[in-house]
Amino acid sequence: MRTAIVAVMISSLLAACAPVSGDAEPSASGTRAERQCFNISEVDNFRQGRISEVYLKVGRNDVYQLDAAGGCNDLDFAYRLAILPDGAGLSGSRLCTDDWARLVVPGSTTPASVCRVRISKRLTTEEVAALPAAYKP
């Protein structure tokens, strides 16, 4: 009985990680692009763009754009932040495009500010080069 329960749990966890046809957006050529993912531990730097944008530098060359639901307070003067994936830890420390997460920033007037963000996309080399210097992480 226990073996059957464990087998069902493992198969359901593996199925949750499997790609689904709705996971990716169609590209200009009409084919579906794969979701782009990163581990939270790979984030090296961050910078706020416009009021509802946050840019993360991940690894050596990747920059991800996050769109905030309503803006993030105190992010423009923050030296550190925490990224918490939505879903009560089901995704572990891995985030992909179209996933939701929360940014926790030590506040200037409150103990911490929390804002909800969606991982929009990984920027191309050209998009990173086109970012204003103040927005580059």
N, C-alpha and C. Protein backbone atom coordinates (compact mmCIF):
# COMPACT_ATOMS: atom_id res chain seq x y z
N MET A 1 0.82 -1.20 0.00
CA MET A 1 0.00 0.00 0.00
C MET A 1 0.86 1.26 0.00
N ARG A 2 1.90 1.26 0.85
CA ARG A 2 2.78 2.43 0.90
C ARG A 2 3.51 2.62 -0.43
N THR A 3 3.93 1.54 -1.04
CA THR A 3 4.63 1.62 -2.32
C THR A 3 3.75 2.26 -3.37
N ALA A 4 2.48 1.91 -3.40
CA ALA A 4 1.55 2.49 -4.37
C ALA A 4 1.37 3.98 -4.13
N ILE A 5 1.27 4.37 -2.89
CA ILE A 5 1.09 5.79 -2.56
C ILE A 5 2.34 6.58 -2.96
N VAL A 6 3.51 6.05 -2.65
CA VAL A 6 4.76 6.72 -3.01
C VAL A 6 4.89 6.81 -4.52
N ALA A 7 4.53 5.76 -5.23
CA ALA A 7 4.62 5.76 -6.69
C ALA A 7 3.69 6.82 -7.29
N VAL A 8 2.50 6.96 -6.75
CA VAL A 8 1.55 7.96 -7.23
C VAL A 8 2.08 9.36 -6.95
N MET A 9 2.65 9.56 -5.76
CA MET A 9 3.19 10.88 -5.42
C MET A 9 4.35 11.26 -6.34
N ILE A 10 5.25 10.31 -6.59
CA ILE A 10 6.39 10.60 -7.45
C ILE A 10 5.93 10.88 -8.87
N SER A 11 5.00 10.10 -9.37
CA SER A 11 4.54 10.33 -10.75
C SER A 11 3.81 11.66 -10.88
N SER A 12 3.07 12.06 -9.84
CA SER A 12 2.39 13.35 -9.92
C SER A 12 3.38 14.50 -9.84
N LEU A 13 4.45 14.35 -9.05
CA LEU A 13 5.47 15.40 -9.00
C LEU A 13 6.20 15.52 -10.33
N LEU A 14 6.50 14.38 -10.95
CA LEU A 14 7.16 14.41 -12.25
C LEU A 14 6.24 15.00 -13.31
N ALA A 15 4.98 14.69 -13.25
CA ALA A 15 4.03 15.24 -14.21
C ALA A 15 3.90 16.75 -14.06
N ALA A 16 4.03 17.25 -12.82
CA ALA A 16 3.95 18.69 -12.60
C ALA A 16 5.12 19.42 -13.23
N CYS A 17 6.25 18.75 -13.38
CA CYS A 17 7.43 19.38 -13.96
C CYS A 17 7.48 19.24 -15.48
N ALA A 18 6.66 18.39 -16.03
CA ALA A 18 6.70 18.13 -17.47
C ALA A 18 6.17 19.34 -18.24
N PRO A 19 6.76 19.63 -19.40
CA PRO A 19 6.25 20.76 -20.19
C PRO A 19 4.85 20.47 -20.71
N VAL A 20 4.07 21.52 -20.79
CA VAL A 20 2.71 21.43 -21.27
C VAL A 20 2.60 22.31 -22.50
N SER A 21 1.71 21.99 -23.40
CA SER A 21 1.61 22.76 -24.64
C SER A 21 1.29 24.22 -24.38
N GLY A 22 0.65 24.56 -23.29
CA GLY A 22 0.31 25.94 -22.99
C GLY A 22 1.40 26.69 -22.27
N ASP A 23 2.57 26.05 -22.02
CA ASP A 23 3.63 26.68 -21.25
C ASP A 23 4.38 27.76 -22.02
N ALA A 24 4.34 27.74 -23.32
CA ALA A 24 5.16 28.65 -24.10
C ALA A 24 4.30 29.49 -25.03
N GLU A 25 4.83 30.66 -25.34
CA GLU A 25 4.11 31.54 -26.26
C GLU A 25 4.59 31.26 -27.68
N PRO A 26 3.73 31.42 -28.66
CA PRO A 26 4.18 31.23 -30.04
C PRO A 26 5.16 32.32 -30.42
N SER A 27 6.19 31.95 -31.15
CA SER A 27 7.15 32.94 -31.63
C SER A 27 6.68 33.48 -32.97
N ALA A 28 7.46 34.36 -33.55
CA ALA A 28 7.07 34.98 -34.82
C ALA A 28 6.93 33.94 -35.93
N SER A 29 7.68 32.85 -35.85
CA SER A 29 7.61 31.84 -36.90
C SER A 29 6.44 30.89 -36.70
N GLY A 30 5.70 31.04 -35.60
CA GLY A 30 4.54 30.21 -35.35
C GLY A 30 4.84 28.99 -34.50
N THR A 31 6.11 28.70 -34.22
CA THR A 31 6.45 27.58 -33.35
C THR A 31 6.45 28.07 -31.91
N ARG A 32 6.31 27.14 -31.00
CA ARG A 32 6.29 27.51 -29.59
C ARG A 32 7.70 27.55 -29.02
N ALA A 33 8.02 28.63 -28.31
CA ALA A 33 9.32 28.76 -27.66
C ALA A 33 9.26 28.08 -26.29
N GLU A 34 10.39 27.54 -25.86
CA GLU A 34 10.44 26.90 -24.55
C GLU A 34 10.49 27.96 -23.47
N ARG A 35 9.97 27.59 -22.29
CA ARG A 35 10.05 28.49 -21.14
C ARG A 35 11.50 28.60 -20.72
N GLN A 36 11.89 29.79 -20.34
CA GLN A 36 13.26 30.03 -19.90
C GLN A 36 13.26 30.08 -18.39
N CYS A 37 14.16 29.33 -17.77
CA CYS A 37 14.16 29.17 -16.32
C CYS A 37 15.52 29.50 -15.72
N PHE A 38 15.51 29.79 -14.42
CA PHE A 38 16.73 30.01 -13.67
C PHE A 38 16.49 29.60 -12.22
N ASN A 39 17.58 29.36 -11.51
CA ASN A 39 17.51 29.09 -10.08
C ASN A 39 17.74 30.39 -9.33
N ILE A 40 17.02 30.57 -8.25
CA ILE A 40 17.13 31.79 -7.47
C ILE A 40 18.56 32.01 -6.98
N SER A 41 19.25 30.93 -6.68
CA SER A 41 20.62 31.05 -6.18
C SER A 41 21.59 31.62 -7.22
N GLU A 42 21.21 31.64 -8.49
CA GLU A 42 22.05 32.17 -9.56
C GLU A 42 21.91 33.67 -9.76
N VAL A 43 20.97 34.32 -9.06
CA VAL A 43 20.76 35.75 -9.22
C VAL A 43 21.94 36.50 -8.59
N ASP A 44 22.60 37.33 -9.40
CA ASP A 44 23.78 38.07 -8.94
C ASP A 44 23.47 39.52 -8.59
N ASN A 45 22.51 40.12 -9.28
CA ASN A 45 22.25 41.54 -9.08
C ASN A 45 20.82 41.85 -9.52
N PHE A 46 20.34 43.02 -9.17
CA PHE A 46 19.00 43.45 -9.57
C PHE A 46 19.01 44.96 -9.72
N ARG A 47 18.05 45.44 -10.47
CA ARG A 47 17.88 46.87 -10.66
C ARG A 47 16.43 47.14 -11.00
N GLN A 48 15.89 48.22 -10.48
CA GLN A 48 14.53 48.60 -10.84
C GLN A 48 14.57 49.40 -12.12
N GLY A 49 13.66 49.07 -13.03
CA GLY A 49 13.50 49.84 -14.26
C GLY A 49 12.43 50.88 -14.01
N ARG A 50 11.41 50.90 -14.86
CA ARG A 50 10.26 51.75 -14.60
C ARG A 50 9.57 51.26 -13.33
N ILE A 51 8.59 51.96 -12.87
CA ILE A 51 7.96 51.67 -11.58
C ILE A 51 7.48 50.22 -11.45
N SER A 52 7.10 49.61 -12.54
CA SER A 52 6.57 48.25 -12.45
C SER A 52 7.53 47.20 -13.03
N GLU A 53 8.80 47.58 -13.27
CA GLU A 53 9.76 46.64 -13.85
C GLU A 53 10.94 46.42 -12.92
N VAL A 54 11.39 45.17 -12.90
CA VAL A 54 12.60 44.81 -12.16
C VAL A 54 13.43 43.94 -13.10
N TYR A 55 14.74 44.18 -13.12
CA TYR A 55 15.64 43.39 -13.94
C TYR A 55 16.59 42.62 -13.04
N LEU A 56 16.72 41.32 -13.31
CA LEU A 56 17.62 40.46 -12.54
C LEU A 56 18.78 40.03 -13.44
N LYS A 57 19.99 40.11 -12.92
CA LYS A 57 21.14 39.54 -13.61
C LYS A 57 21.32 38.14 -13.04
N VAL A 58 21.27 37.16 -13.93
CA VAL A 58 21.34 35.75 -13.53
C VAL A 58 22.56 35.13 -14.19
N GLY A 59 23.43 34.55 -13.38
CA GLY A 59 24.63 33.94 -13.94
C GLY A 59 25.53 34.99 -14.56
N ARG A 60 26.23 34.59 -15.62
CA ARG A 60 27.19 35.49 -16.24
C ARG A 60 26.55 36.50 -17.19
N ASN A 61 25.58 36.05 -18.00
CA ASN A 61 25.12 36.92 -19.09
C ASN A 61 23.62 37.12 -19.17
N ASP A 62 22.84 36.39 -18.40
CA ASP A 62 21.39 36.45 -18.57
C ASP A 62 20.78 37.59 -17.75
N VAL A 63 19.82 38.26 -18.35
CA VAL A 63 19.04 39.30 -17.67
C VAL A 63 17.58 38.96 -17.88
N TYR A 64 16.83 38.88 -16.78
CA TYR A 64 15.40 38.60 -16.83
C TYR A 64 14.62 39.84 -16.43
N GLN A 65 13.50 40.04 -17.11
CA GLN A 65 12.61 41.15 -16.79
C GLN A 65 11.45 40.61 -15.97
N LEU A 66 11.18 41.27 -14.85
CA LEU A 66 10.05 40.93 -13.99
C LEU A 66 9.09 42.10 -14.02
N ASP A 67 7.80 41.83 -14.12
CA ASP A 67 6.79 42.89 -14.10
C ASP A 67 6.04 42.81 -12.79
N ALA A 68 6.03 43.91 -12.06
CA ALA A 68 5.40 43.96 -10.75
C ALA A 68 3.91 44.26 -10.89
N ALA A 69 3.13 43.63 -10.05
CA ALA A 69 1.70 43.91 -9.98
C ALA A 69 1.52 45.08 -9.02
N GLY A 70 1.54 46.30 -9.57
CA GLY A 70 1.33 47.48 -8.75
C GLY A 70 2.60 48.20 -8.33
N GLY A 71 3.75 47.76 -8.75
CA GLY A 71 4.99 48.43 -8.39
C GLY A 71 5.60 47.87 -7.12
N CYS A 72 6.88 48.12 -6.93
CA CYS A 72 7.61 47.65 -5.76
C CYS A 72 8.17 48.85 -5.00
N ASN A 73 7.79 48.99 -3.75
CA ASN A 73 8.27 50.09 -2.92
C ASN A 73 9.67 49.77 -2.38
N ASP A 74 10.44 50.82 -2.18
CA ASP A 74 11.77 50.74 -1.56
C ASP A 74 12.79 49.95 -2.38
N LEU A 75 12.48 49.55 -3.59
CA LEU A 75 13.42 48.76 -4.38
C LEU A 75 14.54 49.62 -4.95
N ASP A 76 14.26 50.89 -5.22
CA ASP A 76 15.27 51.74 -5.84
C ASP A 76 16.46 52.02 -4.93
N PHE A 77 16.30 51.87 -3.61
CA PHE A 77 17.41 52.10 -2.68
C PHE A 77 17.86 50.83 -1.97
N ALA A 78 17.35 49.70 -2.38
CA ALA A 78 17.65 48.43 -1.70
C ALA A 78 19.02 47.89 -2.11
N TYR A 79 19.70 47.30 -1.15
CA TYR A 79 20.97 46.63 -1.42
C TYR A 79 20.79 45.12 -1.53
N ARG A 80 19.65 44.63 -1.08
CA ARG A 80 19.39 43.20 -1.12
C ARG A 80 17.89 42.96 -1.22
N LEU A 81 17.54 41.77 -1.65
CA LEU A 81 16.14 41.36 -1.71
C LEU A 81 16.08 39.85 -1.63
N ALA A 82 14.90 39.36 -1.32
CA ALA A 82 14.65 37.92 -1.32
C ALA A 82 13.59 37.64 -2.37
N ILE A 83 13.76 36.53 -3.08
CA ILE A 83 12.80 36.12 -4.09
C ILE A 83 12.14 34.85 -3.60
N LEU A 84 10.82 34.89 -3.45
CA LEU A 84 10.06 33.74 -2.98
C LEU A 84 9.09 33.30 -4.06
N PRO A 85 9.27 32.10 -4.62
CA PRO A 85 8.34 31.63 -5.65
C PRO A 85 6.95 31.45 -5.07
N ASP A 86 5.92 31.81 -5.83
CA ASP A 86 4.54 31.51 -5.43
C ASP A 86 4.31 30.02 -5.56
N GLY A 87 3.37 29.49 -4.81
CA GLY A 87 3.04 28.08 -4.91
C GLY A 87 3.49 27.29 -3.71
N ALA A 88 3.75 27.94 -2.60
CA ALA A 88 4.08 27.27 -1.35
C ALA A 88 5.24 26.30 -1.47
N GLY A 89 6.26 26.68 -2.23
CA GLY A 89 7.46 25.87 -2.32
C GLY A 89 7.39 24.72 -3.28
N LEU A 90 6.33 24.61 -4.07
CA LEU A 90 6.22 23.50 -5.01
C LEU A 90 7.25 23.59 -6.12
N SER A 91 7.65 24.80 -6.47
CA SER A 91 8.62 24.95 -7.56
C SER A 91 10.05 24.93 -7.05
N GLY A 92 10.24 24.85 -5.75
CA GLY A 92 11.59 24.87 -5.21
C GLY A 92 12.20 26.23 -5.41
N SER A 93 13.43 26.27 -5.89
CA SER A 93 14.11 27.54 -6.11
C SER A 93 14.22 27.86 -7.59
N ARG A 94 13.43 27.20 -8.41
CA ARG A 94 13.47 27.40 -9.86
C ARG A 94 12.29 28.26 -10.29
N LEU A 95 12.57 29.28 -11.08
CA LEU A 95 11.54 30.15 -11.63
C LEU A 95 11.66 30.17 -13.14
N CYS A 96 10.53 30.19 -13.82
CA CYS A 96 10.50 30.21 -15.28
C CYS A 96 9.65 31.38 -15.74
N THR A 97 9.77 31.71 -17.02
CA THR A 97 8.94 32.77 -17.57
C THR A 97 7.48 32.43 -17.35
N ASP A 98 6.70 33.43 -17.07
CA ASP A 98 5.26 33.36 -16.75
C ASP A 98 4.97 32.85 -15.34
N ASP A 99 6.00 32.54 -14.54
CA ASP A 99 5.78 32.19 -13.13
C ASP A 99 5.60 33.46 -12.32
N TRP A 100 4.94 33.33 -11.18
CA TRP A 100 4.75 34.44 -10.25
C TRP A 100 5.63 34.21 -9.03
N ALA A 101 6.13 35.31 -8.47
CA ALA A 101 6.95 35.24 -7.26
C ALA A 101 6.70 36.51 -6.44
N ARG A 102 7.27 36.53 -5.25
CA ARG A 102 7.20 37.72 -4.40
C ARG A 102 8.62 38.20 -4.13
N LEU A 103 8.81 39.50 -4.23
CA LEU A 103 10.07 40.12 -3.86
C LEU A 103 9.91 40.73 -2.49
N VAL A 104 10.81 40.40 -1.58
CA VAL A 104 10.79 40.95 -0.23
C VAL A 104 12.02 41.83 -0.11
N VAL A 105 11.76 43.11 0.19
CA VAL A 105 12.83 44.11 0.26
C VAL A 105 12.81 44.74 1.64
N PRO A 106 13.97 44.80 2.31
CA PRO A 106 14.00 45.51 3.59
C PRO A 106 13.55 46.95 3.37
N GLY A 107 12.57 47.39 4.14
CA GLY A 107 11.98 48.71 3.92
C GLY A 107 12.70 49.82 4.64
N SER A 108 12.48 51.04 4.15
CA SER A 108 13.06 52.20 4.81
C SER A 108 12.14 52.70 5.92
N THR A 109 10.84 52.52 5.77
CA THR A 109 9.90 52.97 6.79
C THR A 109 9.17 51.82 7.45
N THR A 110 9.25 50.64 6.88
CA THR A 110 8.62 49.45 7.45
C THR A 110 9.68 48.35 7.51
N PRO A 111 9.45 47.30 8.28
CA PRO A 111 10.45 46.22 8.35
C PRO A 111 10.74 45.59 6.99
N ALA A 112 9.73 45.41 6.15
CA ALA A 112 9.95 44.82 4.82
C ALA A 112 8.80 45.19 3.90
N SER A 113 9.13 45.36 2.64
CA SER A 113 8.12 45.58 1.61
C SER A 113 8.04 44.32 0.76
N VAL A 114 6.83 43.94 0.41
CA VAL A 114 6.63 42.75 -0.42
C VAL A 114 5.85 43.17 -1.65
N CYS A 115 6.33 42.73 -2.82
CA CYS A 115 5.56 42.97 -4.03
C CYS A 115 5.52 41.69 -4.85
N ARG A 116 4.45 41.54 -5.57
CA ARG A 116 4.24 40.35 -6.40
C ARG A 116 4.70 40.66 -7.81
N VAL A 117 5.48 39.74 -8.39
CA VAL A 117 6.03 39.94 -9.73
C VAL A 117 5.80 38.71 -10.59
N ARG A 118 5.77 38.94 -11.90
CA ARG A 118 5.69 37.85 -12.88
C ARG A 118 6.98 37.89 -13.68
N ILE A 119 7.60 36.72 -13.85
CA ILE A 119 8.82 36.64 -14.65
C ILE A 119 8.37 36.73 -16.11
N SER A 120 8.66 37.85 -16.76
CA SER A 120 8.16 38.12 -18.10
C SER A 120 8.97 37.42 -19.17
N LYS A 121 10.28 37.67 -19.16
CA LYS A 121 11.10 37.10 -20.23
C LYS A 121 12.57 37.22 -19.89
N ARG A 122 13.37 36.44 -20.61
CA ARG A 122 14.82 36.60 -20.59
C ARG A 122 15.16 37.52 -21.75
N LEU A 123 15.86 38.58 -21.47
CA LEU A 123 16.19 39.56 -22.50
C LEU A 123 17.27 39.01 -23.43
N THR A 124 17.17 39.36 -24.69
CA THR A 124 18.20 39.01 -25.66
C THR A 124 19.40 39.94 -25.45
N THR A 125 20.50 39.62 -26.07
CA THR A 125 21.70 40.46 -25.97
C THR A 125 21.41 41.87 -26.47
N GLU A 126 20.64 41.97 -27.54
CA GLU A 126 20.29 43.28 -28.09
C GLU A 126 19.40 44.07 -27.13
N GLU A 127 18.45 43.40 -26.48
CA GLU A 127 17.58 44.08 -25.53
C GLU A 127 18.36 44.56 -24.30
N VAL A 128 19.33 43.77 -23.86
CA VAL A 128 20.16 44.19 -22.72
C VAL A 128 20.99 45.41 -23.11
N ALA A 129 21.56 45.40 -24.31
CA ALA A 129 22.36 46.53 -24.78
C ALA A 129 21.51 47.80 -24.92
N ALA A 130 20.23 47.64 -25.24
CA ALA A 130 19.34 48.79 -25.44
C ALA A 130 18.80 49.36 -24.12
N LEU A 131 18.99 48.64 -23.01
CA LEU A 131 18.51 49.15 -21.72
C LEU A 131 19.27 50.41 -21.33
N PRO A 132 18.58 51.37 -20.75
CA PRO A 132 19.30 52.54 -20.20
C PRO A 132 20.28 52.07 -19.13
N ALA A 133 21.37 52.75 -18.98
CA ALA A 133 22.42 52.36 -18.01
C ALA A 133 21.87 52.23 -16.60
N ALA A 134 20.92 53.06 -16.23
CA ALA A 134 20.36 53.03 -14.88
C ALA A 134 19.52 51.76 -14.63
N TYR A 135 19.08 51.09 -15.68
CA TYR A 135 18.25 49.91 -15.54
C TYR A 135 19.05 48.61 -15.60
N LYS A 136 20.30 48.68 -16.04
CA LYS A 136 21.10 47.45 -16.20
C LYS A 136 21.57 46.93 -14.85
N PRO A 137 21.25 45.67 -14.58
CA PRO A 137 21.71 45.08 -13.30
C PRO A 137 23.17 44.72 -13.34
